[in-house]
Every structure is written in C-alpha cells, then in structure tokens.
Amino acid sequence: MSRVAIDEFSGGEAIEVYIAGRLAEAQLIEELFNGHTVEYAVNLESYLAGTVFGVSEYAGAAFYVSVEHAEFCRRILREAGFEAGMID
C-alpha cells in the first residue's frame, strides 16, 4: 500500500491519526507507513500550538488511515517515537 488521494481512499472510512508540523517529520511518517504497507492519505490542515507568546495557528500534514487500521498505525507511530502530533 502507499499514499493515495483522500478522495480515492479504498480502505473505507478514513480517520485522522497524526498531524506533522514539519516537512521532515511528515517524510519520516510516510517512510514508516510505507514500510508497514499502510494505505494512507495526507491533507494539508491547520492546527493550533502553544508557544511562549501564546497560541498560534500553523499548517501541518494530516495523515489519514482506514478506521480498521487506526489503532495499528497509532501503535507503530508511538513505537517510532511520534507522539506529539498523535490524534486519538
């Protein structure tokens, strides 16, 4: 499996499992999902993050997988050390 367009997702209902705030982080997650043959979609989305100056809005890469594979994907993300952008 690999990356697909979100409107061409064949895994049934898609659910957001992670949002990456940096390009390098998104590329590592793509490698992780490709290495585990996970079908996923990526969509550019806004998210809020706190800084010392308050809360700011940023753009990030949101990763979607099928509902059936969501827990598996969250587990491999945690095992790889990607917890900051996890969406439960």
PDB file of N, CA and C in Angstrom:
ATOM      1  N   MET A   1       0.840  -1.180   0.000  1.00  0.00           N
ATOM      2  CA  MET A   1       0.000   0.000   0.000  1.00  0.00           C
ATOM      3  C   MET A   1       0.885   1.243   0.000  1.00  0.00           C
ATOM      4  N   SER A   2       0.252   2.369  -0.211  1.00  0.00           N
ATOM      5  CA  SER A   2       1.015   3.603  -0.263  1.00  0.00           C
ATOM      6  C   SER A   2       0.083   4.796  -0.104  1.00  0.00           C
ATOM      7  N   ARG A   3       0.645   5.955  -0.364  1.00  0.00           N
ATOM      8  CA  ARG A   3      -0.116   7.198  -0.267  1.00  0.00           C
ATOM      9  C   ARG A   3      -1.125   7.284  -1.403  1.00  0.00           C
ATOM     10  N   VAL A   4      -2.337   7.707  -1.061  1.00  0.00           N
ATOM     11  CA  VAL A   4      -3.400   7.905  -2.040  1.00  0.00           C
ATOM     12  C   VAL A   4      -4.042   9.265  -1.783  1.00  0.00           C
ATOM     13  N   ALA A   5      -4.766   9.752  -2.769  1.00  0.00           N
ATOM     14  CA  ALA A   5      -5.540  10.977  -2.576  1.00  0.00           C
ATOM     15  C   ALA A   5      -6.681  10.678  -1.622  1.00  0.00           C
ATOM     16  N   ILE A   6      -7.016  11.631  -0.787  1.00  0.00           N
ATOM     17  CA  ILE A   6      -8.027  11.375   0.241  1.00  0.00           C
ATOM     18  C   ILE A   6      -9.386  11.022  -0.366  1.00  0.00           C
ATOM     19  N   ASP A   7      -9.699  11.528  -1.538  1.00  0.00           N
ATOM     20  CA  ASP A   7     -10.976  11.192  -2.172  1.00  0.00           C
ATOM     21  C   ASP A   7     -10.932   9.855  -2.918  1.00  0.00           C
ATOM     22  N   GLU A   8      -9.759   9.220  -2.986  1.00  0.00           N
ATOM     23  CA  GLU A   8      -9.619   7.912  -3.634  1.00  0.00           C
ATOM     24  C   GLU A   8      -9.291   6.823  -2.621  1.00  0.00           C
ATOM     25  N   PHE A   9      -9.517   7.088  -1.369  1.00  0.00           N
ATOM     26  CA  PHE A   9      -9.162   6.165  -0.299  1.00  0.00           C
ATOM     27  C   PHE A   9      -9.995   4.898  -0.413  1.00  0.00           C
ATOM     28  N   SER A  10      -9.340   3.739  -0.552  1.00  0.00           N
ATOM     29  CA  SER A  10     -10.071   2.484  -0.752  1.00  0.00           C
ATOM     30  C   SER A  10     -10.312   1.725   0.543  1.00  0.00           C
ATOM     31  N   GLY A  11      -9.761   2.203   1.650  1.00  0.00           N
ATOM     32  CA  GLY A  11      -9.885   1.479   2.912  1.00  0.00           C
ATOM     33  C   GLY A  11     -11.162   1.749   3.666  1.00  0.00           C
ATOM     34  N   GLY A  12     -12.219   2.213   3.004  1.00  0.00           N
ATOM     35  CA  GLY A  12     -13.461   2.539   3.691  1.00  0.00           C
ATOM     36  C   GLY A  12     -13.369   3.911   4.316  1.00  0.00           C
ATOM     37  N   GLU A  13     -13.967   4.077   5.482  1.00  0.00           N
ATOM     38  CA  GLU A  13     -13.944   5.361   6.173  1.00  0.00           C
ATOM     39  C   GLU A  13     -12.536   5.688   6.658  1.00  0.00           C
ATOM     40  N   ALA A  14     -12.093   6.909   6.394  1.00  0.00           N
ATOM     41  CA  ALA A  14     -10.753   7.338   6.809  1.00  0.00           C
ATOM     42  C   ALA A  14     -10.846   8.170   8.079  1.00  0.00           C
ATOM     43  N   ILE A  15      -9.822   8.045   8.921  1.00  0.00           N
ATOM     44  CA  ILE A  15      -9.765   8.775  10.177  1.00  0.00           C
ATOM     45  C   ILE A  15      -8.371   9.382  10.321  1.00  0.00           C
ATOM     46  N   GLU A  16      -8.317  10.591  10.869  1.00  0.00           N
ATOM     47  CA  GLU A  16      -7.044  11.271  11.071  1.00  0.00           C
ATOM     48  C   GLU A  16      -6.343  10.672  12.289  1.00  0.00           C
ATOM     49  N   VAL A  17      -5.066  10.307  12.110  1.00  0.00           N
ATOM     50  CA  VAL A  17      -4.313   9.715  13.218  1.00  0.00           C
ATOM     51  C   VAL A  17      -3.112  10.551  13.644  1.00  0.00           C
ATOM     52  N   TYR A  18      -2.653  11.466  12.787  1.00  0.00           N
ATOM     53  CA  TYR A  18      -1.450  12.226  13.122  1.00  0.00           C
ATOM     54  C   TYR A  18      -1.411  13.511  12.316  1.00  0.00           C
ATOM     55  N   ILE A  19      -0.831  14.559  12.908  1.00  0.00           N
ATOM     56  CA  ILE A  19      -0.555  15.782  12.167  1.00  0.00           C
ATOM     57  C   ILE A  19       0.899  16.159  12.402  1.00  0.00           C
ATOM     58  N   ALA A  20       1.626  16.243  11.306  1.00  0.00           N
ATOM     59  CA  ALA A  20       3.053  16.573  11.357  1.00  0.00           C
ATOM     60  C   ALA A  20       3.225  18.063  11.118  1.00  0.00           C
ATOM     61  N   GLY A  21       3.990  18.701  11.984  1.00  0.00           N
ATOM     62  CA  GLY A  21       4.191  20.132  11.883  1.00  0.00           C
ATOM     63  C   GLY A  21       5.362  20.543  11.011  1.00  0.00           C
ATOM     64  N   ARG A  22       6.216  19.581  10.656  1.00  0.00           N
ATOM     65  CA  ARG A  22       7.392  19.889   9.837  1.00  0.00           C
ATOM     66  C   ARG A  22       7.463  18.915   8.667  1.00  0.00           C
ATOM     67  N   LEU A  23       8.024  19.379   7.569  1.00  0.00           N
ATOM     68  CA  LEU A  23       8.153  18.534   6.379  1.00  0.00           C
ATOM     69  C   LEU A  23       8.988  17.294   6.664  1.00  0.00           C
ATOM     70  N   ALA A  24      10.093  17.455   7.383  1.00  0.00           N
ATOM     71  CA  ALA A  24      10.964  16.315   7.683  1.00  0.00           C
ATOM     72  C   ALA A  24      10.211  15.267   8.502  1.00  0.00           C
ATOM     73  N   GLU A  25       9.395  15.711   9.430  1.00  0.00           N
ATOM     74  CA  GLU A  25       8.593  14.786  10.244  1.00  0.00           C
ATOM     75  C   GLU A  25       7.585  14.050   9.368  1.00  0.00           C
ATOM     76  N   ALA A  26       6.930  14.764   8.473  1.00  0.00           N
ATOM     77  CA  ALA A  26       5.961  14.143   7.568  1.00  0.00           C
ATOM     78  C   ALA A  26       6.626  13.101   6.676  1.00  0.00           C
ATOM     79  N   GLN A  27       7.815  13.394   6.198  1.00  0.00           N
ATOM     80  CA  GLN A  27       8.532  12.442   5.353  1.00  0.00           C
ATOM     81  C   GLN A  27       8.895  11.176   6.128  1.00  0.00           C
ATOM     82  N   LEU A  28       9.269  11.319   7.388  1.00  0.00           N
ATOM     83  CA  LEU A  28       9.577  10.141   8.213  1.00  0.00           C
ATOM     84  C   LEU A  28       8.336   9.295   8.449  1.00  0.00           C
ATOM     85  N   ILE A  29       7.202   9.930   8.642  1.00  0.00           N
ATOM     86  CA  ILE A  29       5.963   9.179   8.849  1.00  0.00           C
ATOM     87  C   ILE A  29       5.556   8.471   7.563  1.00  0.00           C
ATOM     88  N   GLU A  30       5.747   9.122   6.431  1.00  0.00           N
ATOM     89  CA  GLU A  30       5.479   8.452   5.157  1.00  0.00           C
ATOM     90  C   GLU A  30       6.352   7.209   5.005  1.00  0.00           C
ATOM     91  N   GLU A  31       7.629   7.326   5.341  1.00  0.00           N
ATOM     92  CA  GLU A  31       8.529   6.167   5.285  1.00  0.00           C
ATOM     93  C   GLU A  31       8.047   5.060   6.219  1.00  0.00           C
ATOM     94  N   LEU A  32       7.614   5.430   7.410  1.00  0.00           N
ATOM     95  CA  LEU A  32       7.119   4.456   8.387  1.00  0.00           C
ATOM     96  C   LEU A  32       5.892   3.730   7.852  1.00  0.00           C
ATOM     97  N   PHE A  33       4.923   4.477   7.349  1.00  0.00           N
ATOM     98  CA  PHE A  33       3.706   3.863   6.812  1.00  0.00           C
ATOM     99  C   PHE A  33       4.010   3.017   5.574  1.00  0.00           C
ATOM    100  N   ASN A  34       4.867   3.513   4.684  1.00  0.00           N
ATOM    101  CA  ASN A  34       5.231   2.727   3.503  1.00  0.00           C
ATOM    102  C   ASN A  34       5.930   1.436   3.898  1.00  0.00           C
ATOM    103  N   GLY A  35       6.781   1.492   4.920  1.00  0.00           N
ATOM    104  CA  GLY A  35       7.484   0.311   5.396  1.00  0.00           C
ATOM    105  C   GLY A  35       6.574  -0.733   6.018  1.00  0.00           C
ATOM    106  N   HIS A  36       5.410  -0.304   6.493  1.00  0.00           N
ATOM    107  CA  HIS A  36       4.427  -1.226   7.083  1.00  0.00           C
ATOM    108  C   HIS A  36       3.262  -1.484   6.129  1.00  0.00           C
ATOM    109  N   THR A  37       3.423  -1.132   4.858  1.00  0.00           N
ATOM    110  CA  THR A  37       2.414  -1.306   3.809  1.00  0.00           C
ATOM    111  C   THR A  37       1.028  -0.796   4.218  1.00  0.00           C
ATOM    112  N   VAL A  38       1.011   0.407   4.776  1.00  0.00           N
ATOM    113  CA  VAL A  38      -0.240   1.036   5.190  1.00  0.00           C
ATOM    114  C   VAL A  38      -0.716   1.968   4.086  1.00  0.00           C
ATOM    115  N   GLU A  39      -1.984   1.854   3.714  1.00  0.00           N
ATOM    116  CA  GLU A  39      -2.577   2.817   2.793  1.00  0.00           C
ATOM    117  C   GLU A  39      -2.955   4.048   3.618  1.00  0.00           C
ATOM    118  N   TYR A  40      -2.524   5.217   3.163  1.00  0.00           N
ATOM    119  CA  TYR A  40      -2.771   6.443   3.911  1.00  0.00           C
ATOM    120  C   TYR A  40      -2.983   7.601   2.951  1.00  0.00           C
ATOM    121  N   ALA A  41      -3.609   8.631   3.460  1.00  0.00           N
ATOM    122  CA  ALA A  41      -3.807   9.873   2.714  1.00  0.00           C
ATOM    123  C   ALA A  41      -3.221  11.002   3.535  1.00  0.00           C
ATOM    124  N   VAL A  42      -2.766  12.038   2.852  1.00  0.00           N
ATOM    125  CA  VAL A  42      -2.194  13.211   3.517  1.00  0.00           C
ATOM    126  C   VAL A  42      -2.950  14.433   3.023  1.00  0.00           C
ATOM    127  N   ASN A  43      -3.301  15.300   3.966  1.00  0.00           N
ATOM    128  CA  ASN A  43      -4.015  16.516   3.637  1.00  0.00           C
ATOM    129  C   ASN A  43      -3.417  17.677   4.426  1.00  0.00           C
ATOM    130  N   LEU A  44      -3.242  18.820   3.801  1.00  0.00           N
ATOM    131  CA  LEU A  44      -2.729  19.999   4.484  1.00  0.00           C
ATOM    132  C   LEU A  44      -3.844  20.595   5.335  1.00  0.00           C
ATOM    133  N   GLU A  45      -3.577  20.751   6.645  1.00  0.00           N
ATOM    134  CA  GLU A  45      -4.581  21.259   7.569  1.00  0.00           C
ATOM    135  C   GLU A  45      -3.949  22.207   8.574  1.00  0.00           C
ATOM    136  N   SER A  46      -4.775  23.062   9.142  1.00  0.00           N
ATOM    137  CA  SER A  46      -4.330  23.987  10.182  1.00  0.00           C
ATOM    138  C   SER A  46      -4.433  23.322  11.543  1.00  0.00           C
ATOM    139  N   TYR A  47      -3.523  23.719  12.438  1.00  0.00           N
ATOM    140  CA  TYR A  47      -3.596  23.262  13.824  1.00  0.00           C
ATOM    141  C   TYR A  47      -3.089  24.377  14.724  1.00  0.00           C
ATOM    142  N   LEU A  48      -3.480  24.327  15.986  1.00  0.00           N
ATOM    143  CA  LEU A  48      -3.069  25.321  16.973  1.00  0.00           C
ATOM    144  C   LEU A  48      -1.985  24.741  17.857  1.00  0.00           C
ATOM    145  N   ALA A  49      -0.995  25.569  18.187  1.00  0.00           N
ATOM    146  CA  ALA A  49       0.086  25.132  19.077  1.00  0.00           C
ATOM    147  C   ALA A  49       0.453  26.290  19.996  1.00  0.00           C
ATOM    148  N   GLY A  50       0.741  25.936  21.237  1.00  0.00           N
ATOM    149  CA  GLY A  50       1.141  26.946  22.203  1.00  0.00           C
ATOM    150  C   GLY A  50       2.621  27.242  22.132  1.00  0.00           C
ATOM    151  N   THR A  51       2.948  28.511  22.257  1.00  0.00           N
ATOM    152  CA  THR A  51       4.338  28.953  22.308  1.00  0.00           C
ATOM    153  C   THR A  51       4.476  29.871  23.517  1.00  0.00           C
ATOM    154  N   VAL A  52       5.660  30.378  23.752  1.00  0.00           N
ATOM    155  CA  VAL A  52       5.856  31.298  24.866  1.00  0.00           C
ATOM    156  C   VAL A  52       5.106  32.608  24.634  1.00  0.00           C
ATOM    157  N   PHE A  53       4.712  32.868  23.404  1.00  0.00           N
ATOM    158  CA  PHE A  53       3.998  34.094  23.060  1.00  0.00           C
ATOM    159  C   PHE A  53       2.486  33.895  23.001  1.00  0.00           C
ATOM    160  N   GLY A  54       2.014  32.705  23.300  1.00  0.00           N
ATOM    161  CA  GLY A  54       0.579  32.404  23.234  1.00  0.00           C
ATOM    162  C   GLY A  54       0.318  31.263  22.281  1.00  0.00           C
ATOM    163  N   VAL A  55      -0.897  31.216  21.780  1.00  0.00           N
ATOM    164  CA  VAL A  55      -1.313  30.160  20.861  1.00  0.00           C
ATOM    165  C   VAL A  55      -1.257  30.705  19.445  1.00  0.00           C
ATOM    166  N   SER A  56      -0.657  29.931  18.553  1.00  0.00           N
ATOM    167  CA  SER A  56      -0.540  30.323  17.149  1.00  0.00           C
ATOM    168  C   SER A  56      -1.107  29.240  16.252  1.00  0.00           C
ATOM    169  N   GLU A  57      -1.516  29.637  15.059  1.00  0.00           N
ATOM    170  CA  GLU A  57      -2.032  28.684  14.080  1.00  0.00           C
ATOM    171  C   GLU A  57      -0.936  28.354  13.073  1.00  0.00           C
ATOM    172  N   TYR A  58      -0.815  27.068  12.765  1.00  0.00           N
ATOM    173  CA  TYR A  58       0.204  26.581  11.842  1.00  0.00           C
ATOM    174  C   TYR A  58      -0.450  25.663  10.819  1.00  0.00           C
ATOM    175  N   ALA A  59       0.270  25.382   9.728  1.00  0.00           N
ATOM    176  CA  ALA A  59      -0.168  24.406   8.736  1.00  0.00           C
ATOM    177  C   ALA A  59       0.641  23.136   8.935  1.00  0.00           C
ATOM    178  N   GLY A  60      -0.028  21.999   8.832  1.00  0.00           N
ATOM    179  CA  GLY A  60       0.657  20.725   9.002  1.00  0.00           C
ATOM    180  C   GLY A  60       0.120  19.683   8.039  1.00  0.00           C
ATOM    181  N   ALA A  61       0.826  18.566   7.963  1.00  0.00           N
ATOM    182  CA  ALA A  61       0.415  17.442   7.123  1.00  0.00           C
ATOM    183  C   ALA A  61      -0.378  16.466   7.985  1.00  0.00           C
ATOM    184  N   ALA A  62      -1.675  16.369   7.717  1.00  0.00           N
ATOM    185  CA  ALA A  62      -2.550  15.465   8.463  1.00  0.00           C
ATOM    186  C   ALA A  62      -2.576  14.106   7.757  1.00  0.00           C
ATOM    187  N   PHE A  63      -2.338  13.048   8.518  1.00  0.00           N
ATOM    188  CA  PHE A  63      -2.313  11.689   7.983  1.00  0.00           C
ATOM    189  C   PHE A  63      -3.609  10.971   8.326  1.00  0.00           C
ATOM    190  N   TYR A  64      -4.222  10.383   7.309  1.00  0.00           N
ATOM    191  CA  TYR A  64      -5.466   9.641   7.443  1.00  0.00           C
ATOM    192  C   TYR A  64      -5.235   8.183   7.063  1.00  0.00           C
ATOM    193  N   VAL A  65      -5.858   7.280   7.803  1.00  0.00           N
ATOM    194  CA  VAL A  65      -5.823   5.849   7.510  1.00  0.00           C
ATOM    195  C   VAL A  65      -7.241   5.304   7.667  1.00  0.00           C
ATOM    196  N   SER A  66      -7.447   4.059   7.268  1.00  0.00           N
ATOM    197  CA  SER A  66      -8.772   3.464   7.449  1.00  0.00           C
ATOM    198  C   SER A  66      -9.045   3.278   8.934  1.00  0.00           C
ATOM    199  N   VAL A  67     -10.302   3.320   9.287  1.00  0.00           N
ATOM    200  CA  VAL A  67     -10.705   3.128  10.689  1.00  0.00           C
ATOM    201  C   VAL A  67     -10.176   1.791  11.193  1.00  0.00           C
ATOM    202  N   GLU A  68     -10.195   0.768  10.348  1.00  0.00           N
ATOM    203  CA  GLU A  68      -9.743  -0.564  10.742  1.00  0.00           C
ATOM    204  C   GLU A  68      -8.259  -0.602  11.085  1.00  0.00           C
ATOM    205  N   HIS A  69      -7.460   0.285  10.484  1.00  0.00           N
ATOM    206  CA  HIS A  69      -6.018   0.281  10.714  1.00  0.00           C
ATOM    207  C   HIS A  69      -5.551   1.378  11.669  1.00  0.00           C
ATOM    208  N   ALA A  70      -6.464   2.161  12.203  1.00  0.00           N
ATOM    209  CA  ALA A  70      -6.101   3.323  13.030  1.00  0.00           C
ATOM    210  C   ALA A  70      -5.290   2.923  14.263  1.00  0.00           C
ATOM    211  N   GLU A  71      -5.724   1.941  15.009  1.00  0.00           N
ATOM    212  CA  GLU A  71      -5.003   1.547  16.231  1.00  0.00           C
ATOM    213  C   GLU A  71      -3.624   0.980  15.913  1.00  0.00           C
ATOM    214  N   PHE A  72      -3.533   0.191  14.850  1.00  0.00           N
ATOM    215  CA  PHE A  72      -2.238  -0.325  14.424  1.00  0.00           C
ATOM    216  C   PHE A  72      -1.296   0.826  14.082  1.00  0.00           C
ATOM    217  N   CYS A  73      -1.797   1.804  13.337  1.00  0.00           N
ATOM    218  CA  CYS A  73      -0.965   2.947  12.943  1.00  0.00           C
ATOM    219  C   CYS A  73      -0.545   3.779  14.148  1.00  0.00           C
ATOM    220  N   ARG A  74      -1.450   3.986  15.085  1.00  0.00           N
ATOM    221  CA  ARG A  74      -1.081   4.715  16.297  1.00  0.00           C
ATOM    222  C   ARG A  74       0.000   3.968  17.076  1.00  0.00           C
ATOM    223  N   ARG A  75      -0.102   2.656  17.098  1.00  0.00           N
ATOM    224  CA  ARG A  75       0.896   1.853  17.816  1.00  0.00           C
ATOM    225  C   ARG A  75       2.271   1.979  17.157  1.00  0.00           C
ATOM    226  N   ILE A  76       2.336   1.866  15.839  1.00  0.00           N
ATOM    227  CA  ILE A  76       3.651   1.960  15.193  1.00  0.00           C
ATOM    228  C   ILE A  76       4.201   3.387  15.268  1.00  0.00           C
ATOM    229  N   LEU A  77       3.323   4.383  15.280  1.00  0.00           N
ATOM    230  CA  LEU A  77       3.771   5.764  15.467  1.00  0.00           C
ATOM    231  C   LEU A  77       4.390   5.938  16.853  1.00  0.00           C
ATOM    232  N   ARG A  78       3.706   5.422  17.886  1.00  0.00           N
ATOM    233  CA  ARG A  78       4.233   5.517  19.264  1.00  0.00           C
ATOM    234  C   ARG A  78       5.571   4.794  19.386  1.00  0.00           C
ATOM    235  N   GLU A  79       5.651   3.596  18.827  1.00  0.00           N
ATOM    236  CA  GLU A  79       6.885   2.804  18.909  1.00  0.00           C
ATOM    237  C   GLU A  79       8.045   3.518  18.211  1.00  0.00           C
ATOM    238  N   ALA A  80       7.735   4.320  17.200  1.00  0.00           N
ATOM    239  CA  ALA A  80       8.774   5.052  16.472  1.00  0.00           C
ATOM    240  C   ALA A  80       9.064   6.408  17.112  1.00  0.00           C
ATOM    241  N   GLY A  81       8.372   6.726  18.206  1.00  0.00           N
ATOM    242  CA  GLY A  81       8.616   7.976  18.928  1.00  0.00           C
ATOM    243  C   GLY A  81       7.821   9.179  18.453  1.00  0.00           C
ATOM    244  N   PHE A  82       6.799   8.951  17.635  1.00  0.00           N
ATOM    245  CA  PHE A  82       5.957  10.039  17.154  1.00  0.00           C
ATOM    246  C   PHE A  82       4.688  10.116  17.994  1.00  0.00           C
ATOM    247  N   GLU A  83       4.741  10.880  19.072  1.00  0.00           N
ATOM    248  CA  GLU A  83       3.562  11.028  19.917  1.00  0.00           C
ATOM    249  C   GLU A  83       3.033  12.453  19.950  1.00  0.00           C
ATOM    250  N   ALA A  84       3.880  13.428  19.650  1.00  0.00           N
ATOM    251  CA  ALA A  84       3.494  14.836  19.784  1.00  0.00           C
ATOM    252  C   ALA A  84       2.305  15.200  18.911  1.00  0.00           C
ATOM    253  N   GLY A  85       2.225  14.664  17.714  1.00  0.00           N
ATOM    254  CA  GLY A  85       1.140  15.007  16.805  1.00  0.00           C
ATOM    255  C   GLY A  85       0.043  13.968  16.725  1.00  0.00           C
ATOM    256  N   MET A  86       0.052  13.011  17.668  1.00  0.00           N
ATOM    257  CA  MET A  86      -0.938  11.924  17.657  1.00  0.00           C
ATOM    258  C   MET A  86      -2.337  12.452  17.885  1.00  0.00           C
ATOM    259  N   ILE A  87      -3.283  11.933  17.127  1.00  0.00           N
ATOM    260  CA  ILE A  87      -4.693  12.289  17.277  1.00  0.00           C
ATOM    261  C   ILE A  87      -5.444  11.013  17.619  1.00  0.00           C
ATOM    262  N   ASP A  88      -6.033  11.000  18.802  1.00  0.00           N
ATOM    263  CA  ASP A  88      -6.764   9.805  19.264  1.00  0.00           C
ATOM    264  C   ASP A  88      -8.236   9.881  18.937  1.00  0.00           C
TER     265      ASP A  88
END
